[in-house]
Amino acid sequence: MARKAAKTVKKEEELTWKDIELGCFITEPGSATRFRTGDWRSRRPIFDRSKCNPKCTLCVTYCPEGCIVKDTEGYPQADLYFCKGCGICAEECRRQAITMEEEQ
């Protein structure tokens, strides 16, 4: 008779999506705020304040990561710890105040 291998139990912080069985319930939403997810981007947004209308906030609205926030002067700024460099903010900016530059 063949024996089944015993499953090792991982701590919650060690679990990955691969450990979740099909049909499993996820009891709380995930969040990237615990992880530095912007490290792999190849481009970064550069904001030109002379062109920006700080009341517009289209870049804040369209950013899929929610990583564009207003600085102390009311201008949008990307939190580069979470920005993936997708360029949606630059595409949606009506004043072309955001350009995407290659990471160095």
C-alpha atoms as a PDB file:
ATOM      1  CA  MET A   1       0.000   0.000   0.000  1.00  0.00           C
ATOM      2  CA  ALA A   2       1.403   3.420  -1.006  1.00  0.00           C
ATOM      3  CA  ARG A   3       1.700   6.112   1.639  1.00  0.00           C
ATOM      4  CA  LYS A   4       0.737   9.711   0.983  1.00  0.00           C
ATOM      5  CA  ALA A   5       3.345  12.348   1.730  1.00  0.00           C
ATOM      6  CA  ALA A   6       2.459  14.522   4.708  1.00  0.00           C
ATOM      7  CA  LYS A   7       1.721  18.148   3.874  1.00  0.00           C
ATOM      8  CA  THR A   8       3.857  20.708   5.613  1.00  0.00           C
ATOM      9  CA  VAL A   9       1.937  23.538   7.191  1.00  0.00           C
ATOM     10  CA  LYS A  10       3.259  26.997   6.341  1.00  0.00           C
ATOM     11  CA  LYS A  11       2.868  30.162   8.372  1.00  0.00           C
ATOM     12  CA  GLU A  12       0.511  32.742   6.854  1.00  0.00           C
ATOM     13  CA  GLU A  13       3.344  35.074   5.848  1.00  0.00           C
ATOM     14  CA  GLU A  14       5.048  32.188   3.992  1.00  0.00           C
ATOM     15  CA  LEU A  15       1.994  31.328   1.863  1.00  0.00           C
ATOM     16  CA  THR A  16       1.911  32.249  -1.814  1.00  0.00           C
ATOM     17  CA  TRP A  17      -0.899  32.063  -4.351  1.00  0.00           C
ATOM     18  CA  LYS A  18       0.433  28.651  -5.406  1.00  0.00           C
ATOM     19  CA  ASP A  19      -0.432  27.255  -1.970  1.00  0.00           C
ATOM     20  CA  ILE A  20      -4.152  28.047  -2.305  1.00  0.00           C
ATOM     21  CA  GLU A  21      -6.186  25.065  -3.425  1.00  0.00           C
ATOM     22  CA  LEU A  22      -8.886  25.441  -6.067  1.00  0.00           C
ATOM     23  CA  GLY A  23     -12.200  26.340  -4.496  1.00  0.00           C
ATOM     24  CA  CYS A  24     -10.554  27.923  -1.478  1.00  0.00           C
ATOM     25  CA  PHE A  25     -12.136  30.975   0.151  1.00  0.00           C
ATOM     26  CA  ILE A  26     -10.132  34.160   0.458  1.00  0.00           C
ATOM     27  CA  THR A  27     -11.321  35.817   3.637  1.00  0.00           C
ATOM     28  CA  GLU A  28      -9.588  39.171   3.320  1.00  0.00           C
ATOM     29  CA  PRO A  29      -8.550  41.283   0.343  1.00  0.00           C
ATOM     30  CA  GLY A  30      -4.917  41.310  -0.698  1.00  0.00           C
ATOM     31  CA  SER A  31      -2.830  44.415  -0.629  1.00  0.00           C
ATOM     32  CA  ALA A  32       0.475  45.343  -2.201  1.00  0.00           C
ATOM     33  CA  THR A  33       1.099  47.961   0.466  1.00  0.00           C
ATOM     34  CA  ARG A  34       3.076  45.415   2.467  1.00  0.00           C
ATOM     35  CA  PHE A  35       5.426  44.733  -0.460  1.00  0.00           C
ATOM     36  CA  ARG A  36       7.755  46.931  -2.500  1.00  0.00           C
ATOM     37  CA  THR A  37       6.259  46.177  -5.915  1.00  0.00           C
ATOM     38  CA  GLY A  38       7.780  48.976  -7.996  1.00  0.00           C
ATOM     39  CA  ASP A  39      11.281  47.521  -8.118  1.00  0.00           C
ATOM     40  CA  TRP A  40      10.800  45.803 -11.474  1.00  0.00           C
ATOM     41  CA  ARG A  41       9.498  48.783 -13.484  1.00  0.00           C
ATOM     42  CA  SER A  42      11.493  49.873 -16.549  1.00  0.00           C
ATOM     43  CA  ARG A  43      10.038  53.409 -16.803  1.00  0.00           C
ATOM     44  CA  ARG A  44       9.139  56.037 -14.231  1.00  0.00           C
ATOM     45  CA  PRO A  45       6.697  58.964 -14.450  1.00  0.00           C
ATOM     46  CA  ILE A  46       8.192  62.466 -14.349  1.00  0.00           C
ATOM     47  CA  PHE A  47       5.756  65.243 -13.440  1.00  0.00           C
ATOM     48  CA  ASP A  48       6.168  68.748 -14.928  1.00  0.00           C
ATOM     49  CA  ARG A  49       4.602  71.132 -12.419  1.00  0.00           C
ATOM     50  CA  SER A  50       4.618  74.024 -14.895  1.00  0.00           C
ATOM     51  CA  LYS A  51       2.090  72.115 -17.057  1.00  0.00           C
ATOM     52  CA  CYS A  52       0.120  70.411 -14.285  1.00  0.00           C
ATOM     53  CA  ASN A  53      -3.263  71.559 -12.985  1.00  0.00           C
ATOM     54  CA  PRO A  54      -3.242  70.155  -9.431  1.00  0.00           C
ATOM     55  CA  LYS A  55      -7.056  70.262  -9.303  1.00  0.00           C
ATOM     56  CA  CYS A  56      -7.379  67.889 -12.279  1.00  0.00           C
ATOM     57  CA  THR A  57      -6.295  64.582 -10.636  1.00  0.00           C
ATOM     58  CA  LEU A  58      -6.938  62.435 -13.742  1.00  0.00           C
ATOM     59  CA  CYS A  59      -3.598  60.720 -13.122  1.00  0.00           C
ATOM     60  CA  VAL A  60      -4.678  59.896  -9.565  1.00  0.00           C
ATOM     61  CA  THR A  61      -7.999  58.517 -10.808  1.00  0.00           C
ATOM     62  CA  TYR A  62      -6.594  56.362 -13.620  1.00  0.00           C
ATOM     63  CA  CYS A  63      -3.520  54.942 -11.856  1.00  0.00           C
ATOM     64  CA  PRO A  64      -4.332  51.215 -11.540  1.00  0.00           C
ATOM     65  CA  GLU A  65      -2.003  50.862  -8.545  1.00  0.00           C
ATOM     66  CA  GLY A  66      -3.322  53.884  -6.649  1.00  0.00           C
ATOM     67  CA  CYS A  67       0.239  55.030  -6.098  1.00  0.00           C
ATOM     68  CA  ILE A  68      -0.150  58.653  -7.214  1.00  0.00           C
ATOM     69  CA  VAL A  69      -0.802  60.953  -4.288  1.00  0.00           C
ATOM     70  CA  LYS A  70      -0.676  64.708  -3.805  1.00  0.00           C
ATOM     71  CA  ASP A  71       2.396  66.193  -2.185  1.00  0.00           C
ATOM     72  CA  THR A  72       2.354  68.972   0.437  1.00  0.00           C
ATOM     73  CA  GLU A  73       1.867  71.603  -2.289  1.00  0.00           C
ATOM     74  CA  GLY A  74      -1.088  69.754  -3.845  1.00  0.00           C
ATOM     75  CA  TYR A  75       0.734  68.393  -6.901  1.00  0.00           C
ATOM     76  CA  PRO A  76       0.526  64.702  -7.853  1.00  0.00           C
ATOM     77  CA  GLN A  77       3.572  62.551  -7.223  1.00  0.00           C
ATOM     78  CA  ALA A  78       4.068  58.826  -7.822  1.00  0.00           C
ATOM     79  CA  ASP A  79       5.121  56.631  -4.924  1.00  0.00           C
ATOM     80  CA  LEU A  80       7.927  54.785  -6.692  1.00  0.00           C
ATOM     81  CA  TYR A  81       7.876  51.948  -4.153  1.00  0.00           C
ATOM     82  CA  PHE A  82       4.612  50.830  -5.803  1.00  0.00           C
ATOM     83  CA  CYS A  83       4.587  52.407  -9.300  1.00  0.00           C
ATOM     84  CA  LYS A  84       4.919  49.756 -12.027  1.00  0.00           C
ATOM     85  CA  GLY A  85       5.765  52.252 -14.790  1.00  0.00           C
ATOM     86  CA  CYS A  86       2.759  51.343 -16.933  1.00  0.00           C
ATOM     87  CA  GLY A  87       2.372  54.895 -18.287  1.00  0.00           C
ATOM     88  CA  ILE A  88      -1.417  55.117 -17.946  1.00  0.00           C
ATOM     89  CA  CYS A  89      -1.045  58.346 -15.968  1.00  0.00           C
ATOM     90  CA  ALA A  90       0.965  59.919 -18.808  1.00  0.00           C
ATOM     91  CA  GLU A  91      -1.571  58.757 -21.416  1.00  0.00           C
ATOM     92  CA  GLU A  92      -4.509  60.213 -19.473  1.00  0.00           C
ATOM     93  CA  CYS A  93      -2.892  63.564 -18.643  1.00  0.00           C
ATOM     94  CA  ARG A  94      -4.641  66.169 -20.815  1.00  0.00           C
ATOM     95  CA  ARG A  95      -1.841  68.701 -20.363  1.00  0.00           C
ATOM     96  CA  GLN A  96       1.015  66.287 -21.146  1.00  0.00           C
ATOM     97  CA  ALA A  97       2.482  67.131 -17.742  1.00  0.00           C
ATOM     98  CA  ILE A  98       3.688  63.541 -17.231  1.00  0.00           C
ATOM     99  CA  THR A  99       6.419  61.918 -19.283  1.00  0.00           C
ATOM    100  CA  MET A 100       7.770  58.414 -18.868  1.00  0.00           C
ATOM    101  CA  GLU A 101      11.548  58.107 -18.586  1.00  0.00           C
ATOM    102  CA  GLU A 102      13.603  54.942 -18.745  1.00  0.00           C
ATOM    103  CA  GLU A 103      14.920  53.694 -15.419  1.00  0.00           C
ATOM    104  CA  GLN A 104      18.683  53.821 -14.999  1.00  0.00           C
END
